[in-house]
C-alpha atoms as a PDB file:
ATOM      1  CA  MET A   1     -21.645 -37.940   4.514  1.00  0.00           C
ATOM      2  CA  LYS A   2     -19.529 -36.081   1.953  1.00  0.00           C
ATOM      3  CA  ARG A   3     -19.851 -32.839   3.924  1.00  0.00           C
ATOM      4  CA  ARG A   4     -18.764 -34.579   7.131  1.00  0.00           C
ATOM      5  CA  HIS A   5     -15.637 -35.922   5.431  1.00  0.00           C
ATOM      6  CA  LEU A   6     -14.779 -32.482   4.118  1.00  0.00           C
ATOM      7  CA  LEU A   7     -15.138 -31.001   7.603  1.00  0.00           C
ATOM      8  CA  GLN A   8     -12.932 -33.724   9.078  1.00  0.00           C
ATOM      9  CA  ALA A   9     -10.242 -33.087   6.474  1.00  0.00           C
ATOM     10  CA  ALA A  10     -10.369 -29.341   7.078  1.00  0.00           C
ATOM     11  CA  THR A  11     -10.099 -29.852  10.851  1.00  0.00           C
ATOM     12  CA  ALA A  12      -7.084 -32.154  10.417  1.00  0.00           C
ATOM     13  CA  ALA A  13      -5.351 -29.582   8.229  1.00  0.00           C
ATOM     14  CA  LEU A  14      -5.885 -26.891  10.848  1.00  0.00           C
ATOM     15  CA  VAL A  15      -4.638 -29.033  13.717  1.00  0.00           C
ATOM     16  CA  LEU A  16      -1.546 -30.430  11.968  1.00  0.00           C
ATOM     17  CA  PRO A  17      -0.408 -27.783   9.448  1.00  0.00           C
ATOM     18  CA  GLY A  18       3.320 -28.507   9.862  1.00  0.00           C
ATOM     19  CA  ILE A  19       2.954 -32.265   9.499  1.00  0.00           C
ATOM     20  CA  SER A  20       0.657 -32.085   6.485  1.00  0.00           C
ATOM     21  CA  ARG A  21       3.130 -29.761   4.782  1.00  0.00           C
ATOM     22  CA  ALA A  22       6.118 -31.869   5.665  1.00  0.00           C
ATOM     23  CA  GLN A  23       4.555 -35.048   4.274  1.00  0.00           C
ATOM     24  CA  SER A  24       4.805 -33.656   0.755  1.00  0.00           C
ATOM     25  CA  TYR A  25       7.757 -31.339   1.372  1.00  0.00           C
ATOM     26  CA  PRO A  26       9.667 -30.491  -0.713  1.00  0.00           C
ATOM     27  CA  VAL A  27       7.635 -30.205  -3.896  1.00  0.00           C
ATOM     28  CA  LYS A  28       9.914 -27.726  -5.666  1.00  0.00           C
ATOM     29  CA  PRO A  29      13.599 -26.711  -5.706  1.00  0.00           C
ATOM     30  CA  ILE A  30      15.049 -25.116  -2.540  1.00  0.00           C
ATOM     31  CA  ARG A  31      16.936 -21.829  -2.687  1.00  0.00           C
ATOM     32  CA  TYR A  32      20.123 -22.044  -0.623  1.00  0.00           C
ATOM     33  CA  ILE A  33      21.656 -18.663   0.081  1.00  0.00           C
ATOM     34  CA  VAL A  34      25.430 -18.644   0.596  1.00  0.00           C
ATOM     35  CA  PRO A  35      26.763 -15.409   2.159  1.00  0.00           C
ATOM     36  CA  VAL A  36      30.013 -15.370   0.107  1.00  0.00           C
ATOM     37  CA  ALA A  37      30.943 -15.089  -3.558  1.00  0.00           C
ATOM     38  CA  ALA A  38      31.189 -18.214  -5.678  1.00  0.00           C
ATOM     39  CA  GLY A  39      34.475 -20.067  -5.261  1.00  0.00           C
ATOM     40  CA  GLY A  40      36.352 -20.593  -2.036  1.00  0.00           C
ATOM     41  CA  GLY A  41      35.827 -22.965   0.835  1.00  0.00           C
ATOM     42  CA  ASN A  42      32.472 -21.735   2.154  1.00  0.00           C
ATOM     43  CA  ASP A  43      30.894 -21.954  -1.307  1.00  0.00           C
ATOM     44  CA  MET A  44      32.454 -25.371  -2.008  1.00  0.00           C
ATOM     45  CA  ILE A  45      31.046 -26.772   1.235  1.00  0.00           C
ATOM     46  CA  ALA A  46      27.574 -25.492   0.311  1.00  0.00           C
ATOM     47  CA  ARG A  47      27.658 -27.076  -3.161  1.00  0.00           C
ATOM     48  CA  VAL A  48      29.027 -30.422  -2.021  1.00  0.00           C
ATOM     49  CA  VAL A  49      26.483 -30.729   0.803  1.00  0.00           C
ATOM     50  CA  THR A  50      23.423 -29.492  -1.081  1.00  0.00           C
ATOM     51  CA  GLU A  51      24.054 -31.728  -4.083  1.00  0.00           C
ATOM     52  CA  ARG A  52      23.769 -34.799  -1.845  1.00  0.00           C
ATOM     53  CA  TRP A  53      21.084 -33.245   0.391  1.00  0.00           C
ATOM     54  CA  GLY A  54      18.906 -32.603  -2.633  1.00  0.00           C
ATOM     55  CA  ARG A  55      19.297 -36.181  -3.811  1.00  0.00           C
ATOM     56  CA  LEU A  56      17.931 -37.470  -0.508  1.00  0.00           C
ATOM     57  CA  LEU A  57      15.044 -35.001  -0.464  1.00  0.00           C
ATOM     58  CA  GLY A  58      14.175 -35.541  -4.131  1.00  0.00           C
ATOM     59  CA  GLN A  59      14.555 -31.885  -5.095  1.00  0.00           C
ATOM     60  CA  ASN A  60      17.409 -29.723  -6.330  1.00  0.00           C
ATOM     61  CA  PHE A  61      19.028 -27.026  -4.201  1.00  0.00           C
ATOM     62  CA  LEU A  62      19.705 -23.816  -6.093  1.00  0.00           C
ATOM     63  CA  VAL A  63      22.800 -22.167  -4.628  1.00  0.00           C
ATOM     64  CA  ASP A  64      22.397 -18.376  -4.501  1.00  0.00           C
ATOM     65  CA  ASN A  65      25.647 -16.555  -3.676  1.00  0.00           C
ATOM     66  CA  GLN A  66      25.025 -13.188  -1.955  1.00  0.00           C
ATOM     67  CA  SER A  67      28.250 -11.723  -0.681  1.00  0.00           C
ATOM     68  CA  GLY A  68      27.297  -8.087  -0.001  1.00  0.00           C
ATOM     69  CA  GLY A  69      28.047  -6.480   3.331  1.00  0.00           C
ATOM     70  CA  GLY A  70      30.181  -9.320   4.602  1.00  0.00           C
ATOM     71  CA  GLY A  71      27.179 -11.636   4.803  1.00  0.00           C
ATOM     72  CA  VAL A  72      24.649  -9.048   5.992  1.00  0.00           C
ATOM     73  CA  VAL A  73      22.795  -8.948   2.654  1.00  0.00           C
ATOM     74  CA  ALA A  74      22.366 -12.722   2.670  1.00  0.00           C
ATOM     75  CA  CYS A  75      21.225 -12.701   6.290  1.00  0.00           C
ATOM     76  CA  GLN A  76      18.594 -10.043   5.599  1.00  0.00           C
ATOM     77  CA  ALA A  77      17.311 -11.872   2.509  1.00  0.00           C
ATOM     78  CA  THR A  78      16.961 -15.076   4.501  1.00  0.00           C
ATOM     79  CA  ALA A  79      15.258 -13.415   7.472  1.00  0.00           C
ATOM     80  CA  ARG A  80      12.691 -11.791   5.133  1.00  0.00           C
ATOM     81  CA  ALA A  81      11.882 -14.988   3.226  1.00  0.00           C
ATOM     82  CA  ALA A  82       8.651 -16.916   3.717  1.00  0.00           C
ATOM     83  CA  PRO A  83       9.055 -19.584   6.419  1.00  0.00           C
ATOM     84  CA  ASP A  84       8.002 -22.406   4.116  1.00  0.00           C
ATOM     85  CA  GLY A  85      11.272 -24.351   3.822  1.00  0.00           C
ATOM     86  CA  TYR A  86      12.069 -23.144   0.286  1.00  0.00           C
ATOM     87  CA  THR A  87      14.630 -20.535   1.290  1.00  0.00           C
ATOM     88  CA  LEU A  88      17.516 -21.644   3.476  1.00  0.00           C
ATOM     89  CA  MET A  89      20.946 -20.213   4.177  1.00  0.00           C
ATOM     90  CA  GLN A  90      24.401 -21.437   5.063  1.00  0.00           C
ATOM     91  CA  GLY A  91      25.155 -19.592   8.290  1.00  0.00           C
ATOM     92  CA  TYR A  92      28.693 -19.666   9.627  1.00  0.00           C
ATOM     93  CA  VAL A  93      30.841 -18.290  12.408  1.00  0.00           C
ATOM     94  CA  ALA A  94      30.889 -14.768  10.911  1.00  0.00           C
ATOM     95  CA  THR A  95      27.157 -14.325  10.175  1.00  0.00           C
ATOM     96  CA  HIS A  96      26.033 -15.981  13.405  1.00  0.00           C
ATOM     97  CA  GLY A  97      28.947 -15.241  15.681  1.00  0.00           C
ATOM     98  CA  THR A  98      31.658 -12.627  15.216  1.00  0.00           C
ATOM     99  CA  THR A  99      29.839 -10.108  12.979  1.00  0.00           C
ATOM    100  CA  PRO A 100      26.816  -9.460  15.216  1.00  0.00           C
ATOM    101  CA  ALA A 101      29.212  -9.402  18.194  1.00  0.00           C
ATOM    102  CA  THR A 102      31.415  -6.654  16.759  1.00  0.00           C
ATOM    103  CA  ARG A 103      29.140  -4.367  14.768  1.00  0.00           C
ATOM    104  CA  ARG A 104      25.541  -3.206  14.475  1.00  0.00           C
ATOM    105  CA  VAL A 105      23.646  -5.357  11.958  1.00  0.00           C
ATOM    106  CA  ASN A 106      20.033  -5.251  10.775  1.00  0.00           C
ATOM    107  CA  TYR A 107      19.231  -8.787  11.837  1.00  0.00           C
ATOM    108  CA  ASP A 108      19.113 -10.798  15.061  1.00  0.00           C
ATOM    109  CA  ALA A 109      21.328 -13.841  14.693  1.00  0.00           C
ATOM    110  CA  ILE A 110      19.111 -15.833  17.079  1.00  0.00           C
ATOM    111  CA  LYS A 111      15.545 -14.527  16.830  1.00  0.00           C
ATOM    112  CA  ASP A 112      15.365 -14.095  13.047  1.00  0.00           C
ATOM    113  CA  TYR A 113      16.343 -17.665  12.121  1.00  0.00           C
ATOM    114  CA  THR A 114      15.348 -21.284  12.572  1.00  0.00           C
ATOM    115  CA  PRO A 115      18.365 -23.539  13.163  1.00  0.00           C
ATOM    116  CA  ILE A 116      18.387 -26.665  11.021  1.00  0.00           C
ATOM    117  CA  GLY A 117      21.732 -28.290  11.695  1.00  0.00           C
ATOM    118  CA  MET A 118      25.468 -27.987  11.912  1.00  0.00           C
ATOM    119  CA  ILE A 119      27.391 -29.144   8.850  1.00  0.00           C
ATOM    120  CA  GLY A 120      30.967 -29.143  10.084  1.00  0.00           C
ATOM    121  CA  ALA A 121      33.872 -27.191  11.477  1.00  0.00           C
ATOM    122  CA  THR A 122      37.592 -26.695  11.148  1.00  0.00           C
ATOM    123  CA  PRO A 123      40.023 -25.459  13.813  1.00  0.00           C
ATOM    124  CA  ASN A 124      42.190 -22.376  13.743  1.00  0.00           C
ATOM    125  CA  VAL A 125      45.949 -22.747  14.149  1.00  0.00           C
ATOM    126  CA  LEU A 126      48.229 -20.620  16.316  1.00  0.00           C
ATOM    127  CA  ALA A 127      50.930 -20.195  13.672  1.00  0.00           C
ATOM    128  CA  ILE A 128      54.177 -18.241  13.760  1.00  0.00           C
ATOM    129  CA  ASN A 129      56.823 -17.219  11.268  1.00  0.00           C
ATOM    130  CA  ASP A 130      59.562 -19.837  11.221  1.00  0.00           C
ATOM    131  CA  ASN A 131      62.145 -17.248  12.287  1.00  0.00           C
ATOM    132  CA  VAL A 132      60.441 -16.720  15.645  1.00  0.00           C
ATOM    133  CA  PRO A 133      62.503 -18.705  18.197  1.00  0.00           C
ATOM    134  CA  ALA A 134      59.630 -20.575  19.862  1.00  0.00           C
ATOM    135  CA  LYS A 135      58.806 -24.262  19.669  1.00  0.00           C
ATOM    136  CA  ASN A 136      55.665 -24.232  21.786  1.00  0.00           C
ATOM    137  CA  VAL A 137      53.032 -21.860  23.156  1.00  0.00           C
ATOM    138  CA  ASN A 138      54.779 -21.153  26.443  1.00  0.00           C
ATOM    139  CA  GLU A 139      57.997 -20.243  24.619  1.00  0.00           C
ATOM    140  CA  PHE A 140      56.021 -17.974  22.315  1.00  0.00           C
ATOM    141  CA  ILE A 141      54.358 -16.182  25.248  1.00  0.00           C
ATOM    142  CA  ASP A 142      57.777 -15.743  26.820  1.00  0.00           C
ATOM    143  CA  TYR A 143      59.151 -14.367  23.560  1.00  0.00           C
ATOM    144  CA  ILE A 144      56.336 -11.773  23.342  1.00  0.00           C
ATOM    145  CA  LYS A 145      56.947 -10.642  26.891  1.00  0.00           C
ATOM    146  CA  ARG A 146      60.674 -10.284  26.276  1.00  0.00           C
ATOM    147  CA  ASN A 147      60.009  -8.199  23.170  1.00  0.00           C
ATOM    148  CA  PRO A 148      57.285  -5.736  24.155  1.00  0.00           C
ATOM    149  CA  GLY A 149      55.871  -3.796  21.224  1.00  0.00           C
ATOM    150  CA  LYS A 150      57.863  -5.775  18.662  1.00  0.00           C
ATOM    151  CA  VAL A 151      55.488  -8.641  17.881  1.00  0.00           C
ATOM    152  CA  ASN A 152      52.707  -8.065  15.358  1.00  0.00           C
ATOM    153  CA  TYR A 153      49.906 -10.392  14.379  1.00  0.00           C
ATOM    154  CA  GLY A 154      47.851 -10.398  11.196  1.00  0.00           C
ATOM    155  CA  SER A 155      44.215 -11.206  10.560  1.00  0.00           C
ATOM    156  CA  ALA A 156      41.794 -11.570   7.657  1.00  0.00           C
ATOM    157  CA  GLY A 157      40.202  -8.327   8.777  1.00  0.00           C
ATOM    158  CA  ALA A 158      38.937  -6.485  11.853  1.00  0.00           C
ATOM    159  CA  GLY A 159      36.213  -8.501  13.548  1.00  0.00           C
ATOM    160  CA  SER A 160      37.045 -11.701  11.674  1.00  0.00           C
ATOM    161  CA  LEU A 161      37.516 -15.017  13.465  1.00  0.00           C
ATOM    162  CA  THR A 162      41.290 -14.743  12.957  1.00  0.00           C
ATOM    163  CA  HIS A 163      41.224 -11.380  14.733  1.00  0.00           C
ATOM    164  CA  MET A 164      38.894 -12.429  17.544  1.00  0.00           C
ATOM    165  CA  THR A 165      40.725 -15.669  18.263  1.00  0.00           C
ATOM    166  CA  MET A 166      44.030 -13.833  18.712  1.00  0.00           C
ATOM    167  CA  GLU A 167      42.320 -11.261  20.932  1.00  0.00           C
ATOM    168  CA  LEU A 168      41.067 -14.173  23.029  1.00  0.00           C
ATOM    169  CA  PHE A 169      44.678 -15.416  23.236  1.00  0.00           C
ATOM    170  CA  LYS A 170      45.864 -11.980  24.305  1.00  0.00           C
ATOM    171  CA  GLN A 171      43.141 -11.795  26.948  1.00  0.00           C
ATOM    172  CA  GLU A 172      44.082 -15.220  28.308  1.00  0.00           C
ATOM    173  CA  THR A 173      47.826 -14.590  28.383  1.00  0.00           C
ATOM    174  CA  GLY A 174      48.244 -10.831  28.940  1.00  0.00           C
ATOM    175  CA  ALA A 175      50.478 -10.761  25.870  1.00  0.00           C
ATOM    176  CA  LEU A 176      50.893  -7.426  24.061  1.00  0.00           C
ATOM    177  CA  MET A 177      50.826  -7.665  20.268  1.00  0.00           C
ATOM    178  CA  LEU A 178      49.878  -5.141  17.596  1.00  0.00           C
ATOM    179  CA  HIS A 179      46.985  -6.136  15.322  1.00  0.00           C
ATOM    180  CA  ILE A 180      47.520  -5.707  11.555  1.00  0.00           C
ATOM    181  CA  PRO A 181      44.230  -6.293   9.731  1.00  0.00           C
ATOM    182  CA  TYR A 182      44.297  -7.330   6.067  1.00  0.00           C
ATOM    183  CA  ARG A 183      41.646  -7.585   3.372  1.00  0.00           C
ATOM    184  CA  GLY A 184      41.393 -11.361   3.426  1.00  0.00           C
ATOM    185  CA  ILE A 185      43.410 -14.324   4.607  1.00  0.00           C
ATOM    186  CA  ALA A 186      45.775 -14.590   1.614  1.00  0.00           C
ATOM    187  CA  PRO A 187      47.591 -11.256   2.073  1.00  0.00           C
ATOM    188  CA  ALA A 188      47.733 -11.835   5.830  1.00  0.00           C
ATOM    189  CA  ILE A 189      49.470 -15.172   5.296  1.00  0.00           C
ATOM    190  CA  ASN A 190      51.843 -13.664   2.737  1.00  0.00           C
ATOM    191  CA  ASP A 191      53.066 -11.089   5.253  1.00  0.00           C
ATOM    192  CA  LEU A 192      53.431 -13.716   7.949  1.00  0.00           C
ATOM    193  CA  LEU A 193      55.604 -15.779   5.623  1.00  0.00           C
ATOM    194  CA  GLY A 194      57.577 -12.660   4.692  1.00  0.00           C
ATOM    195  CA  GLY A 195      58.200 -11.734   8.321  1.00  0.00           C
ATOM    196  CA  GLN A 196      56.222  -8.469   8.323  1.00  0.00           C
ATOM    197  CA  THR A 197      54.063 -10.073  11.024  1.00  0.00           C
ATOM    198  CA  GLN A 198      55.131 -12.768  13.437  1.00  0.00           C
ATOM    199  CA  ALA A 199      51.908 -14.666  14.276  1.00  0.00           C
ATOM    200  CA  MET A 200      48.288 -15.296  13.418  1.00  0.00           C
ATOM    201  CA  PHE A 201      45.387 -17.709  13.930  1.00  0.00           C
ATOM    202  CA  PRO A 202      44.461 -18.791  10.357  1.00  0.00           C
ATOM    203  CA  GLY A 203      41.988 -21.552   9.572  1.00  0.00           C
ATOM    204  CA  LEU A 204      43.605 -24.923   9.158  1.00  0.00           C
ATOM    205  CA  ALA A 205      42.885 -25.264   5.421  1.00  0.00           C
ATOM    206  CA  ALA A 206      44.645 -21.965   4.630  1.00  0.00           C
ATOM    207  CA  ALA A 207      47.610 -22.787   6.854  1.00  0.00           C
ATOM    208  CA  LEU A 208      48.290 -26.389   5.870  1.00  0.00           C
ATOM    209  CA  PRO A 209      50.366 -25.842   2.676  1.00  0.00           C
ATOM    210  CA  HIS A 210      52.677 -23.458   4.523  1.00  0.00           C
ATOM    211  CA  LEU A 211      52.943 -25.639   7.581  1.00  0.00           C
ATOM    212  CA  ARG A 212      53.967 -28.545   5.361  1.00  0.00           C
ATOM    213  CA  SER A 213      56.521 -26.398   3.525  1.00  0.00           C
ATOM    214  CA  GLY A 214      58.111 -25.431   6.844  1.00  0.00           C
ATOM    215  CA  ARG A 215      57.717 -21.660   6.284  1.00  0.00           C
ATOM    216  CA  MET A 216      55.128 -21.444   9.056  1.00  0.00           C
ATOM    217  CA  ARG A 217      55.178 -23.268  12.395  1.00  0.00           C
ATOM    218  CA  ALA A 218      52.075 -24.534  14.215  1.00  0.00           C
ATOM    219  CA  LEU A 219      52.125 -24.274  17.978  1.00  0.00           C
ATOM    220  CA  ALA A 220      48.557 -25.331  18.814  1.00  0.00           C
ATOM    221  CA  VAL A 221      45.069 -25.703  17.379  1.00  0.00           C
ATOM    222  CA  THR A 222      41.696 -24.632  18.674  1.00  0.00           C
ATOM    223  CA  GLY A 223      38.920 -27.128  19.322  1.00  0.00           C
ATOM    224  CA  LYS A 224      38.286 -29.889  21.836  1.00  0.00           C
ATOM    225  CA  GLN A 225      40.416 -32.525  20.102  1.00  0.00           C
ATOM    226  CA  ARG A 226      43.479 -32.694  17.921  1.00  0.00           C
ATOM    227  CA  SER A 227      43.072 -32.334  14.196  1.00  0.00           C
ATOM    228  CA  PRO A 228      43.563 -35.551  12.149  1.00  0.00           C
ATOM    229  CA  GLN A 229      45.716 -33.460   9.800  1.00  0.00           C
ATOM    230  CA  LEU A 230      47.981 -32.199  12.587  1.00  0.00           C
ATOM    231  CA  LYS A 231      48.108 -35.126  14.963  1.00  0.00           C
ATOM    232  CA  ASP A 232      51.323 -33.986  16.676  1.00  0.00           C
ATOM    233  CA  ILE A 233      50.035 -30.484  17.490  1.00  0.00           C
ATOM    234  CA  PRO A 234      48.222 -30.091  20.812  1.00  0.00           C
ATOM    235  CA  THR A 235      44.971 -28.248  21.325  1.00  0.00           C
ATOM    236  CA  MET A 236      44.903 -25.059  23.332  1.00  0.00           C
ATOM    237  CA  GLU A 237      42.741 -26.934  25.852  1.00  0.00           C
ATOM    238  CA  GLU A 238      45.413 -29.580  26.283  1.00  0.00           C
ATOM    239  CA  ILE A 239      48.006 -27.035  27.315  1.00  0.00           C
ATOM    240  CA  GLY A 240      45.774 -25.388  29.875  1.00  0.00           C
ATOM    241  CA  PHE A 241      43.546 -22.878  28.022  1.00  0.00           C
ATOM    242  CA  LYS A 242      40.148 -24.186  29.082  1.00  0.00           C
ATOM    243  CA  GLY A 243      37.280 -23.267  26.744  1.00  0.00           C
ATOM    244  CA  PHE A 244      39.646 -22.138  24.007  1.00  0.00           C
ATOM    245  CA  ASP A 245      37.661 -23.996  21.330  1.00  0.00           C
ATOM    246  CA  ALA A 246      37.009 -21.265  18.732  1.00  0.00           C
ATOM    247  CA  MET A 247      36.139 -22.949  15.425  1.00  0.00           C
ATOM    248  CA  GLN A 248      35.390 -21.957  11.845  1.00  0.00           C
ATOM    249  CA  TRP A 249      31.989 -23.616  11.565  1.00  0.00           C
ATOM    250  CA  TYR A 250      29.241 -23.905   8.950  1.00  0.00           C
ATOM    251  CA  GLY A 251      25.586 -24.826   9.324  1.00  0.00           C
ATOM    252  CA  SER A 252      22.144 -24.404   7.786  1.00  0.00           C
ATOM    253  CA  VAL A 253      19.355 -22.092   8.959  1.00  0.00           C
ATOM    254  CA  GLY A 254      16.039 -20.882   7.651  1.00  0.00           C
ATOM    255  CA  PRO A 255      13.894 -17.864   8.435  1.00  0.00           C
ATOM    256  CA  ALA A 256      12.179 -17.785  11.836  1.00  0.00           C
ATOM    257  CA  GLY A 257       8.958 -19.750  12.090  1.00  0.00           C
ATOM    258  CA  LEU A 258       9.719 -22.800   9.941  1.00  0.00           C
ATOM    259  CA  PRO A 259       7.260 -25.598  10.783  1.00  0.00           C
ATOM    260  CA  ALA A 260       8.803 -28.116  13.176  1.00  0.00           C
ATOM    261  CA  ALA A 261       8.037 -31.060  10.896  1.00  0.00           C
ATOM    262  CA  VAL A 262       9.802 -29.356   7.959  1.00  0.00           C
ATOM    263  CA  VAL A 263      12.838 -28.644  10.154  1.00  0.00           C
ATOM    264  CA  HIS A 264      12.878 -32.311  11.241  1.00  0.00           C
ATOM    265  CA  ARG A 265      12.712 -33.480   7.599  1.00  0.00           C
ATOM    266  CA  LEU A 266      15.559 -31.198   6.584  1.00  0.00           C
ATOM    267  CA  ASN A 267      17.726 -32.088   9.583  1.00  0.00           C
ATOM    268  CA  GLU A 268      17.139 -35.802   9.215  1.00  0.00           C
ATOM    269  CA  ALA A 269      18.272 -35.719   5.576  1.00  0.00           C
ATOM    270  CA  GLN A 270      21.259 -33.428   6.340  1.00  0.00           C
ATOM    271  CA  VAL A 271      22.488 -35.714   9.128  1.00  0.00           C
ATOM    272  CA  ALA A 272      22.256 -38.675   6.742  1.00  0.00           C
ATOM    273  CA  VAL A 273      24.293 -36.753   4.165  1.00  0.00           C
ATOM    274  CA  LEU A 274      26.996 -35.999   6.740  1.00  0.00           C
ATOM    275  CA  LYS A 275      27.494 -39.731   7.238  1.00  0.00           C
ATOM    276  CA  PHE A 276      28.327 -40.345   3.549  1.00  0.00           C
ATOM    277  CA  PRO A 277      31.991 -41.488   3.360  1.00  0.00           C
ATOM    278  CA  ASP A 278      32.578 -39.538   0.171  1.00  0.00           C
ATOM    279  CA  LEU A 279      31.333 -36.334   1.811  1.00  0.00           C
ATOM    280  CA  ALA A 280      33.978 -36.568   4.540  1.00  0.00           C
ATOM    281  CA  ASP A 281      36.598 -36.945   1.807  1.00  0.00           C
ATOM    282  CA  LYS A 282      35.300 -33.862  -0.008  1.00  0.00           C
ATOM    283  CA  LEU A 283      35.169 -31.721   3.142  1.00  0.00           C
ATOM    284  CA  ALA A 284      38.686 -32.813   4.094  1.00  0.00           C
ATOM    285  CA  GLY A 285      39.927 -30.551   1.257  1.00  0.00           C
ATOM    286  CA  GLU A 286      38.861 -27.632   3.476  1.00  0.00           C
ATOM    287  CA  ALA A 287      40.003 -29.461   6.643  1.00  0.00           C
ATOM    288  CA  VAL A 288      36.350 -29.549   7.735  1.00  0.00           C
ATOM    289  CA  GLU A 289      35.151 -32.412   9.902  1.00  0.00           C
ATOM    290  CA  PRO A 290      31.414 -33.294   9.638  1.00  0.00           C
ATOM    291  CA  TRP A 291      29.699 -32.357  12.886  1.00  0.00           C
ATOM    292  CA  PRO A 292      26.032 -33.385  12.837  1.00  0.00           C
ATOM    293  CA  MET A 293      23.677 -31.853  15.437  1.00  0.00           C
ATOM    294  CA  THR A 294      19.964 -31.747  16.098  1.00  0.00           C
ATOM    295  CA  PRO A 295      18.227 -28.395  15.443  1.00  0.00           C
ATOM    296  CA  GLU A 296      18.094 -27.847  19.214  1.00  0.00           C
ATOM    297  CA  GLN A 297      21.785 -28.527  19.683  1.00  0.00           C
ATOM    298  CA  PHE A 298      22.690 -26.239  16.778  1.00  0.00           C
ATOM    299  CA  GLY A 299      20.461 -23.467  18.130  1.00  0.00           C
ATOM    300  CA  GLN A 300      22.206 -23.663  21.481  1.00  0.00           C
ATOM    301  CA  TYR A 301      25.567 -23.622  19.753  1.00  0.00           C
ATOM    302  CA  ILE A 302      24.685 -20.434  17.865  1.00  0.00           C
ATOM    303  CA  ARG A 303      23.530 -18.771  21.084  1.00  0.00           C
ATOM    304  CA  SER A 304      26.772 -19.718  22.833  1.00  0.00           C
ATOM    305  CA  GLU A 305      28.837 -18.336  19.917  1.00  0.00           C
ATOM    306  CA  VAL A 306      27.025 -14.985  19.934  1.00  0.00           C
ATOM    307  CA  GLU A 307      27.422 -14.743  23.702  1.00  0.00           C
ATOM    308  CA  ARG A 308      31.092 -15.753  23.623  1.00  0.00           C
ATOM    309  CA  TRP A 309      32.206 -13.254  20.956  1.00  0.00           C
ATOM    310  CA  THR A 310      29.980 -10.439  22.256  1.00  0.00           C
ATOM    311  CA  ALA A 311      31.538 -10.780  25.710  1.00  0.00           C
ATOM    312  CA  LEU A 312      35.065 -10.775  24.219  1.00  0.00           C
ATOM    313  CA  ALA A 313      34.306  -7.755  22.007  1.00  0.00           C
ATOM    314  CA  LYS A 314      33.102  -5.803  25.028  1.00  0.00           C
ATOM    315  CA  ALA A 315      36.073  -6.841  27.144  1.00  0.00           C
ATOM    316  CA  ARG A 316      38.578  -5.878  24.413  1.00  0.00           C
ATOM    317  CA  GLY A 317      36.770  -2.701  23.327  1.00  0.00           C
ATOM    318  CA  ILE A 318      36.133  -3.985  19.787  1.00  0.00           C
ATOM    319  CA  ARG A 319      33.286  -2.140  18.095  1.00  0.00           C
ATOM    320  CA  LEU A 320      33.431  -1.640  14.330  1.00  0.00           C
ATOM    321  CA  GLU A 321      31.654   0.713  11.963  1.00  0.00           C
ATOM    322  CA  GLU A 322      28.768  -0.743   9.991  1.00  0.00           C
END
């Protein structure tokens, strides 16, 4: 009798390995790799979300900042980790969108990861120096065409979302502007305010203080709906740019091969966290709106992002050194 029970238990464990693991998961702290240095919006989002996520799961998340290679180091560490649910990563539009689209990287943004869920996103803003005589997007396009070779735009760096979004704008409008890449968003904004450049597509959080001061003017935002923080500013979609919904997004992934039941447990708890009223208040500091998705929805979103930015990079001849 005892032997029969042991055989039955062994058979059940073989048939349902994911479920048996998930029933007790997690039994120890979870390492959460963040592909940027400590401090800043990306890191803040990770810490705010994982603190509440860990509470629901009954285990702490240990945030591990790995900023090397513009996120490549973090991506490689995550892809190499054991698929047991104890190493996760905060993927975002660069690691799983613009970077693999514009340069050769030693990871596959789709095949090497298991999507867990979207956390949230913030729009980019088509912003111009206040001295540019344009009150809307059509006037700005007209201004560029009347001043060929005289309008420059800044970005947070070649291949960044700020760069790629403006290249998408140029592709859609036929506008000719010179790209001035900077080492980060802060110096790019400083030169826009100083008039060295005339336009850019910064993230909303970085742009808001300057929009409110009047030194920078917003013409439109990306995304499918208006931002609650810029209710009077139309989306690019509203004014006729269909599919112009480029967003700065953040989500969680694990290494490829995570058991389905573990993924479900993680996603279920993350979605619950995103519904906490205090979380929305915290994320609002980075102008991020919670955007819960199932793992399947998030996986499809990542695929669409890689495809979108890869197609644009090819069309615009953007290929960067490693």
